Amino acid sequence: MKEENNNKSVKTQEKKFSRENDKKKLLEEKVVSIGRVTKVTKGGRHFRFSATVVVGNRKGLVGIGTGKANEVPAAIAKASMMANKNVTKVAIIDGRTIPHEATGKVGRASVLIKPAVKGTGVIAGGAARSVLELAGVKDVISKSLGSNTKINVAKATLEALKSERTPAKIALLRGKKVEEL
């Protein structure tokens, strides 16, 4: 009886592990920023590293994560794990652009994103570009307003993408069909 329970738990763990590996294989990751954090103690300075990573499948799934560790690779690994946990689905129209204009705000950083015509490309800088590209948006215009902190700009871009609503979503909220809109 005990052996049977152990076999079930091992199989469950293997399934869970393989699902996580499959998910990791599907998502690309891009390091947005790496920072050195210094803590001054009476014994001297203690250095640690913080990393911000964006993950996405370029088909509407995107996530952001941050991590801290004593070494850069460990910080990136932690950030990647956090980003994989925070993956969200964003609305993309015609497989290339966003449904409508939106603004996202995190801290003092504010990001404005606008849909663009086919062939425009991703007009965005730095952290916003990383988030938009890994989300799968191919034609968009973006403007960073306020603070230019990389972490907050990336999070504000994700907030703007999350606030997008498709015609199907709006029809559902109003209790109508898409054709009636």
Protein backbone atom coordinates (compact mmCIF):
# COMPACT_ATOMS: atom_id res chain seq x y z
CA MET A 1 0.00 0.00 0.00
CA LYS A 2 2.82 2.40 0.92
CA GLU A 3 4.74 1.58 -2.26
CA GLU A 4 1.64 2.32 -4.35
CA ASN A 5 1.25 5.76 -2.69
CA ASN A 6 4.94 6.50 -3.21
CA ASN A 7 4.67 5.59 -6.91
CA LYS A 8 1.66 7.92 -7.31
CA SER A 9 3.47 10.82 -5.66
CA VAL A 10 6.57 10.25 -7.80
CA LYS A 11 4.44 10.19 -10.99
CA THR A 12 2.64 13.36 -9.89
CA GLN A 13 5.97 15.10 -9.26
CA GLU A 14 7.29 13.95 -12.65
CA LYS A 15 4.16 15.27 -14.39
CA LYS A 16 4.42 18.60 -12.60
CA PHE A 17 8.12 18.88 -13.43
CA SER A 18 7.59 18.03 -17.11
CA ARG A 19 4.75 20.59 -17.38
CA GLU A 20 7.02 23.29 -15.96
CA ASN A 21 9.76 22.32 -18.43
CA ASP A 22 7.30 22.40 -21.34
CA LYS A 23 6.15 25.86 -20.28
CA LYS A 24 9.74 27.08 -20.03
CA LYS A 25 10.51 25.78 -23.52
CA LEU A 26 7.58 27.72 -24.99
CA LEU A 27 8.50 31.07 -23.43
CA GLU A 28 11.41 33.23 -24.55
CA GLU A 29 13.13 35.37 -21.95
CA LYS A 30 14.89 38.70 -22.16
CA VAL A 31 16.85 40.42 -19.39
CA VAL A 32 15.64 44.01 -19.02
CA SER A 33 17.99 45.22 -16.31
CA ILE A 34 20.70 44.10 -13.93
CA GLY A 35 21.56 46.27 -10.96
CA ARG A 36 24.14 46.08 -8.21
CA VAL A 37 22.70 46.64 -4.76
CA THR A 38 25.06 47.59 -1.92
CA LYS A 39 24.29 47.10 1.75
CA VAL A 40 26.76 48.82 4.08
CA THR A 41 27.34 46.99 7.33
CA LYS A 42 29.89 47.51 10.08
CA GLY A 43 31.91 44.71 8.47
CA GLY A 44 32.04 46.56 5.15
CA ARG A 45 30.03 46.64 1.97
CA HIS A 46 27.86 43.68 0.98
CA PHE A 47 27.12 43.46 -2.77
CA ARG A 48 24.08 41.70 -4.24
CA PHE A 49 22.56 41.77 -7.70
CA SER A 50 19.00 42.41 -8.77
CA ALA A 51 17.64 41.38 -12.17
CA THR A 52 14.44 42.04 -14.08
CA VAL A 53 13.36 39.55 -16.75
CA VAL A 54 10.50 39.56 -19.27
CA VAL A 55 9.19 36.27 -20.66
CA GLY A 56 6.73 35.72 -23.50
CA ASN A 57 5.73 33.44 -26.36
CA ARG A 58 5.19 36.20 -28.97
CA LYS A 59 1.56 35.05 -29.29
CA GLY A 60 -0.17 36.98 -26.49
CA LEU A 61 1.44 35.60 -23.32
CA VAL A 62 3.85 37.82 -21.39
CA GLY A 63 5.14 38.14 -17.81
CA ILE A 64 7.62 40.18 -15.77
CA GLY A 65 9.67 39.05 -12.78
CA THR A 66 12.41 40.38 -10.53
CA GLY A 67 14.96 38.52 -8.44
CA LYS A 68 17.90 39.22 -6.13
CA ALA A 69 20.90 37.04 -5.34
CA ASN A 70 24.60 37.16 -4.52
CA GLU A 71 25.53 36.28 -8.11
CA VAL A 72 24.15 37.58 -11.42
CA PRO A 73 23.15 34.18 -12.93
CA ALA A 74 21.26 33.24 -9.76
CA ALA A 75 19.43 36.59 -9.79
CA ILE A 76 18.45 36.07 -13.44
CA ALA A 77 17.24 32.53 -12.68
CA LYS A 78 15.07 33.79 -9.79
CA ALA A 79 13.67 36.60 -11.93
CA SER A 80 12.89 34.14 -14.71
CA MET A 81 11.02 31.88 -12.28
CA MET A 82 8.98 34.83 -11.01
CA ALA A 83 8.21 35.96 -14.56
CA ASN A 84 6.99 32.45 -15.48
CA LYS A 85 4.64 32.55 -12.49
CA ASN A 86 3.26 35.97 -13.48
CA VAL A 87 2.46 35.22 -17.12
CA THR A 88 -0.75 36.87 -18.36
CA LYS A 89 -2.70 36.83 -21.63
CA VAL A 90 -2.93 40.12 -23.53
CA ALA A 91 -5.29 41.14 -26.34
CA ILE A 92 -3.81 41.26 -29.84
CA ILE A 93 -5.84 42.14 -32.96
CA ASP A 94 -5.08 40.48 -36.34
CA GLY A 95 -1.98 38.90 -34.76
CA ARG A 96 -0.06 42.17 -35.04
CA THR A 97 -1.43 45.17 -33.07
CA ILE A 98 -3.44 46.22 -30.03
CA PRO A 99 -7.21 46.95 -30.04
CA HIS A 100 -7.08 50.56 -28.85
CA GLU A 101 -4.99 53.28 -27.22
CA ALA A 102 -4.14 52.69 -23.55
CA THR A 103 -2.04 54.11 -20.73
CA GLY A 104 -0.38 52.16 -17.93
CA LYS A 105 1.03 53.73 -14.80
CA VAL A 106 3.32 52.22 -12.16
CA GLY A 107 4.98 54.53 -9.64
CA ARG A 108 5.97 57.72 -11.52
CA ALA A 109 6.46 55.87 -14.79
CA SER A 110 3.63 56.11 -17.29
CA VAL A 111 3.52 54.45 -20.72
CA LEU A 112 1.17 55.33 -23.58
CA ILE A 113 0.64 52.69 -26.28
CA LYS A 114 -1.27 53.23 -29.54
CA PRO A 115 -2.23 50.82 -32.33
CA ALA A 116 -0.43 51.35 -35.63
CA VAL A 117 -0.99 50.44 -39.28
CA LYS A 118 0.53 47.31 -40.78
CA GLY A 119 4.27 47.63 -41.45
CA THR A 120 4.95 50.28 -38.79
CA GLY A 121 6.86 47.96 -36.48
CA VAL A 122 7.44 48.37 -32.75
CA ILE A 123 8.20 52.02 -32.08
CA ALA A 124 9.23 51.86 -28.44
CA GLY A 125 12.38 52.13 -26.43
CA GLY A 126 14.18 49.99 -23.89
CA ALA A 127 12.02 48.06 -21.45
CA ALA A 128 8.74 48.86 -23.24
CA ARG A 129 10.12 47.38 -26.47
CA SER A 130 11.07 44.13 -24.71
CA VAL A 131 7.60 43.69 -23.21
CA LEU A 132 5.78 44.53 -26.47
CA GLU A 133 7.96 42.27 -28.63
CA LEU A 134 7.70 39.27 -26.30
CA ALA A 135 3.92 39.81 -26.06
CA GLY A 136 3.75 39.40 -29.84
CA VAL A 137 2.73 42.94 -30.80
CA LYS A 138 4.26 43.73 -34.20
CA ASP A 139 2.82 47.19 -34.99
CA VAL A 140 2.54 49.69 -32.14
CA ILE A 141 3.61 53.18 -31.15
CA SER A 142 4.72 53.73 -27.57
CA LYS A 143 5.70 56.77 -25.52
CA SER A 144 7.27 56.67 -22.09
CA LEU A 145 6.01 59.52 -19.92
CA GLY A 146 7.34 60.50 -16.50
CA SER A 147 10.08 58.41 -14.91
CA ASN A 148 12.31 56.23 -17.09
CA THR A 149 13.09 53.58 -14.47
CA LYS A 150 13.39 50.34 -16.47
CA ILE A 151 11.48 48.14 -14.03
CA ASN A 152 8.56 50.57 -13.68
CA VAL A 153 8.41 51.25 -17.44
CA ALA A 154 8.22 47.49 -18.12
CA LYS A 155 5.48 47.05 -15.50
CA ALA A 156 3.56 50.09 -16.81
CA THR A 157 3.71 48.68 -20.35
CA LEU A 158 2.31 45.38 -19.08
CA GLU A 159 -0.46 47.27 -17.22
CA ALA A 160 -1.38 49.09 -20.42
CA LEU A 161 -1.49 45.78 -22.31
CA LYS A 162 -3.66 44.19 -19.60
CA SER A 163 -6.16 47.07 -19.79
CA GLU A 164 -6.81 46.38 -23.51
CA ARG A 165 -10.30 45.09 -24.30
CA THR A 166 -11.31 43.27 -27.47
CA PRO A 167 -14.74 43.67 -29.09
CA ALA A 168 -15.60 40.17 -27.86
CA LYS A 169 -14.82 41.17 -24.25
CA ILE A 170 -16.93 44.33 -24.51
CA ALA A 171 -19.84 42.40 -26.04
CA LEU A 172 -19.66 39.88 -23.19
CA LEU A 173 -19.71 42.66 -20.59
CA ARG A 174 -22.76 44.27 -22.24
CA GLY A 175 -24.54 40.95 -22.69
CA LYS A 176 -24.70 41.30 -26.47
CA LYS A 177 -23.24 39.62 -29.53
CA VAL A 178 -20.20 40.99 -31.34
CA GLU A 179 -22.35 41.70 -34.42
CA GLU A 180 -24.68 43.94 -32.36
CA LEU A 181 -21.82 46.29 -31.50
